[in-house]
Protein backbone atom coordinates (compact mmCIF):
# COMPACT_ATOMS: atom_id res chain seq x y z
CA MET A 1 25.50 -7.34 7.34
CA ALA A 2 23.43 -10.55 7.38
CA TYR A 3 20.35 -8.32 7.56
CA ASN A 4 21.09 -6.78 4.15
CA TYR A 5 21.62 -10.19 2.52
CA VAL A 6 18.36 -11.45 3.95
CA LYS A 7 16.62 -8.25 2.83
CA ALA A 8 17.98 -8.68 -0.71
CA LEU A 9 16.78 -12.30 -0.83
CA HIS A 10 13.40 -11.26 0.54
CA ILE A 11 13.00 -8.62 -2.18
CA ILE A 12 14.09 -11.06 -4.92
CA PHE A 13 11.51 -13.65 -3.86
CA VAL A 14 8.80 -11.00 -3.45
CA VAL A 15 9.44 -10.02 -7.08
CA THR A 16 9.31 -13.61 -8.36
CA TRP A 17 6.22 -14.33 -6.25
CA PHE A 18 4.43 -11.30 -7.68
CA ALA A 19 5.51 -12.28 -11.19
CA GLY A 20 3.70 -15.57 -10.67
CA MET A 21 0.64 -13.88 -9.18
CA PHE A 22 0.50 -11.41 -12.08
CA TYR A 23 0.76 -14.07 -14.78
CA MET A 24 -1.38 -16.82 -13.24
CA PRO A 25 -4.71 -14.97 -13.61
CA ARG A 26 -3.79 -14.22 -17.22
CA LEU A 27 -3.54 -17.97 -17.80
CA PHE A 28 -6.93 -18.38 -16.11
CA ILE A 29 -8.38 -15.77 -18.49
CA TYR A 30 -6.91 -17.44 -21.57
CA ASN A 31 -8.07 -20.86 -20.39
CA ALA A 32 -11.60 -19.58 -19.69
CA GLU A 33 -11.74 -17.94 -23.12
CA ALA A 34 -10.46 -21.14 -24.75
CA GLN A 35 -13.56 -22.92 -23.45
CA THR A 36 -15.68 -20.83 -25.81
CA ASN A 37 -13.89 -22.25 -28.86
CA GLU A 38 -16.41 -24.15 -30.98
CA ASN A 39 -13.90 -26.79 -32.09
CA PRO A 40 -13.70 -29.47 -29.34
CA GLU A 41 -10.26 -30.60 -30.50
CA VAL A 42 -8.82 -27.08 -30.34
CA ARG A 43 -10.52 -26.49 -26.98
CA SER A 44 -8.96 -29.70 -25.62
CA GLN A 45 -5.50 -28.85 -26.93
CA LEU A 46 -5.64 -25.35 -25.47
CA SER A 47 -6.87 -26.66 -22.10
CA THR A 48 -4.06 -29.20 -22.00
CA GLN A 49 -1.45 -26.56 -22.83
CA PHE A 50 -2.81 -24.07 -20.27
CA ALA A 51 -2.89 -26.81 -17.61
CA ILE A 52 0.81 -27.52 -18.21
CA MET A 53 1.66 -23.81 -18.09
CA MET A 54 -0.36 -23.21 -14.91
CA LYS A 55 1.21 -26.16 -13.06
CA ARG A 56 4.74 -25.19 -14.04
CA LEU A 57 4.24 -21.55 -13.10
CA TRP A 58 2.47 -22.33 -9.84
CA TYR A 59 4.61 -25.16 -8.50
CA GLY A 60 7.90 -24.14 -10.11
CA ILE A 61 7.93 -20.41 -9.34
CA THR A 62 4.94 -19.02 -7.46
CA VAL A 63 4.66 -21.42 -4.51
CA PRO A 64 8.42 -21.66 -3.81
CA SER A 65 8.67 -17.86 -4.02
CA ALA A 66 5.74 -17.42 -1.60
CA ILE A 67 7.40 -19.76 0.89
CA LEU A 68 10.82 -18.11 0.59
CA THR A 69 9.24 -14.65 0.84
CA LEU A 70 7.64 -15.68 4.12
CA ILE A 71 10.87 -17.22 5.45
CA PHE A 72 13.08 -14.25 4.58
CA GLY A 73 10.44 -11.74 5.68
CA SER A 74 10.16 -13.45 9.06
CA LEU A 75 13.95 -13.45 9.34
CA LEU A 76 13.98 -9.70 8.65
CA VAL A 77 11.48 -9.09 11.45
CA HIS A 78 13.66 -11.19 13.76
CA LEU A 79 17.07 -9.83 12.74
CA GLY A 80 15.85 -6.23 12.73
CA LYS A 81 14.05 -6.79 16.05
CA TRP A 82 10.96 -5.24 14.47
CA TYR A 83 8.76 -7.41 16.70
CA LEU A 84 9.75 -5.11 19.60
CA PHE A 85 8.16 -2.10 17.87
CA LEU A 86 5.23 -3.76 16.14
CA PHE A 87 2.59 -2.32 18.48
CA GLU A 88 4.40 0.97 19.10
CA PRO A 89 3.77 4.12 17.02
CA GLN A 90 7.08 3.71 15.12
CA GLY A 91 6.13 0.15 14.16
CA ARG A 92 2.53 0.78 13.19
CA TRP A 93 3.46 0.93 9.49
CA LEU A 94 4.84 -2.61 9.76
CA LEU A 95 1.73 -3.87 11.50
CA ILE A 96 -0.45 -2.44 8.73
CA LYS A 97 1.93 -3.83 6.10
CA LEU A 98 1.74 -7.28 7.70
CA ILE A 99 -2.06 -7.13 7.59
CA PHE A 100 -1.82 -6.40 3.85
CA VAL A 101 0.67 -9.27 3.50
CA LEU A 102 -1.75 -11.61 5.30
CA LEU A 103 -4.50 -10.53 2.89
CA LEU A 104 -2.08 -11.08 0.01
CA TYR A 105 -1.60 -14.70 1.13
CA VAL A 106 -5.40 -15.08 1.17
CA TYR A 107 -5.40 -13.81 -2.42
CA PHE A 108 -2.56 -16.22 -3.24
CA PHE A 109 -4.57 -19.18 -1.93
CA SER A 110 -7.61 -18.00 -3.88
CA LEU A 111 -5.50 -18.26 -7.04
CA GLN A 112 -4.59 -21.82 -6.11
CA LYS A 113 -8.27 -22.64 -5.65
CA ILE A 114 -9.16 -21.20 -9.07
CA MET A 115 -6.28 -23.12 -10.66
CA LYS A 116 -7.44 -26.41 -9.15
CA GLN A 117 -11.00 -25.74 -10.33
CA GLN A 118 -9.85 -25.00 -13.87
CA LEU A 119 -7.63 -28.09 -13.92
CA LYS A 120 -10.78 -30.11 -13.12
CA GLY A 121 -12.66 -28.38 -15.94
CA ILE A 122 -14.68 -26.17 -13.60
CA PHE A 123 -14.93 -22.57 -14.81
CA LYS A 124 -16.84 -20.53 -12.23
CA TYR A 125 -15.63 -17.12 -13.37
CA THR A 126 -15.90 -15.28 -16.66
CA SER A 127 -12.82 -13.83 -18.31
CA GLN A 128 -14.05 -10.36 -17.28
CA GLN A 129 -14.32 -11.38 -13.62
CA LEU A 130 -10.84 -12.89 -13.82
CA ARG A 131 -9.51 -9.65 -15.34
CA LEU A 132 -10.76 -7.79 -12.27
CA TRP A 133 -9.28 -10.43 -9.96
CA ASN A 134 -5.98 -10.08 -11.83
CA GLU A 135 -5.69 -6.47 -10.62
CA VAL A 136 -5.94 -7.36 -6.92
CA ALA A 137 -2.22 -8.21 -6.80
CA THR A 138 -1.43 -4.73 -8.17
CA VAL A 139 -3.40 -3.11 -5.36
CA PHE A 140 -1.56 -5.18 -2.74
CA LEU A 141 1.82 -4.42 -4.31
CA PHE A 142 1.08 -0.71 -4.30
CA ALA A 143 -0.03 -0.70 -0.65
CA ILE A 144 2.80 -2.89 0.66
CA VAL A 145 5.59 -1.05 -1.15
CA PHE A 146 4.31 2.33 -0.04
CA LEU A 147 4.12 1.17 3.57
CA ALA A 148 7.61 -0.36 3.45
CA VAL A 149 9.23 2.68 1.86
CA VAL A 150 7.36 5.64 3.35
CA LYS A 151 6.63 4.40 6.89
CA THR A 152 5.07 7.58 8.33
CA ALA A 153 1.47 8.15 9.37
CA LEU A 154 0.95 11.27 7.22
CA SER A 155 2.38 9.52 4.20
CA LEU A 156 0.18 6.54 5.04
CA VAL A 157 -2.89 8.77 4.61
CA TYR A 158 -1.59 9.95 1.22
CA GLY A 159 -0.70 6.35 0.36
CA LEU A 160 -4.20 5.12 1.13
CA ALA A 161 -5.69 7.99 -0.88
CA GLY A 162 -3.36 7.01 -3.72
CA LEU A 163 -4.50 3.41 -3.34
CA VAL A 164 -8.11 4.45 -3.80
CA VAL A 165 -7.13 6.47 -6.88
CA LEU A 166 -5.21 3.46 -8.23
CA ILE A 167 -8.25 1.20 -7.79
CA VAL A 168 -10.48 3.70 -9.59
CA VAL A 169 -7.96 4.05 -12.45
CA LEU A 170 -7.66 0.26 -12.77
CA MET A 171 -11.44 -0.15 -12.88
CA ILE A 172 -11.74 2.53 -15.58
CA ALA A 173 -8.90 0.94 -17.58
CA ILE A 174 -10.58 -2.47 -17.41
CA ARG A 175 -13.88 -1.00 -18.65
CA ILE A 176 -12.13 0.81 -21.51
CA TYR A 177 -10.30 -2.39 -22.45
CA LYS A 178 -13.57 -4.34 -22.40
CA LYS A 179 -15.26 -1.80 -24.69
CA MET A 180 -12.29 -1.92 -27.07
CA ARG A 181 -12.48 -5.72 -27.19
CA GLU A 182 -16.22 -5.63 -27.82
CA LYS A 183 -15.71 -3.33 -30.81
CA LYS A 184 -13.41 -5.87 -32.45
């Protein structure tokens, strides 16, 4: 019974964590685009507003959710005794999922690095590069959810093929969006 409560809490904090990781790059994009405004006063006001929004989102939602996701996820592995099967064939899906989760935390910390740079007025990435980086969380979400739900090796092959298709579709969508913006 405790397992299901922990699982529910884990899912809730995964959702809120992803919400933060989906919105944070959008704020980076808007902030980077604000730097092209010719009016210094407007540029300053926008930068100040985006800095407030980024800090509140990051420290109020995203970081606490990442920590609670890790805590409740670790509890699930312990309560479900998944650690006993991690290197066995029936636990291979979890091992692969945990590798994706580890990479997701690397992505998470990269967002923090970009935020700190932008707060210091350092803009290393264009809005187009940030749009691409924004889609990385979608790829991780897709891979992790498929692994958690499907769990079988054959489905894993289809899942990875689907992941490749998703990446291609996202890249095409970003290019179409860019062309539409350029026409305006």
